[in-house]
C-alpha cells in the first residue's frame, strides 16, 4: 500500500459527545434491506437523521449529513466527541455511514461494539484522537488524515492533531472486513463455492 493510499482527505462533519446508534440510524429506518441495491441507498439518506439539532451544540447546526433526497454526503470525515457509537449493537450504524460516503470517524473514544462493528464489517476506519477534536474542528473544514504520520491536518485552520496508531485496523477495513482479511492473510481458508 502506497503512502498516498494511507491518507484520507475531505470535509469534516462535526458532532457532539455520546452520539448513539439510534441517532446514527433511527430504528424506523431499519426496515430497508442492505442486500437490495435501491433500498441500501436509503441507509445513506437517513444516516445521522436521529441527531437532534438542538442537542448538537456544535457548529453544524441544522446541516444534515446528506442533502434532501440525496443518499451520499459531501462530508466524508466525521469528527465526534467522546463515546461515539454508544447504544445498541446494530451493525447498520457503521454501514449507513459508509453508504453515505463517510470514509473515517475521528473521536477520542468509541463505544466498543461500534468500533468492532466498524472494523469487523469492513465499513469505516475509526481513528482515536488524543484530544476531543469536536471542540476545535468545524463542519466544512477540510481535513487530511495521514495514517503513516498518525496526524490529522486541518487544512482550513492550518492546525495539526495527533491520532493513535491503527495497527491492522485499516488493513481489515480495506480488505472488506475481518473474514476477508483472514482469507487474504492466510489465517483462514478461502470460501468454497
Foldseek 3Di string as FASTA:
>chain_A
DDQVVQKDKAFEDEFEEPAELCQQANPVLPPFDCPDVVSVLVLQVCGSVNDDLVPRPAQCRPPDQPPPPGSAGRGQEYQYEAAPHDDDLDLSRLSSSQSNRHAEYEYQYYDVSNQQSCQQQLRHHYWHFVDRCSVPDHGGFMWMQRQVVQWIARPRVRDITGIDHDPCSNVSSVLRHDVSSCCVVVVDPDDDD
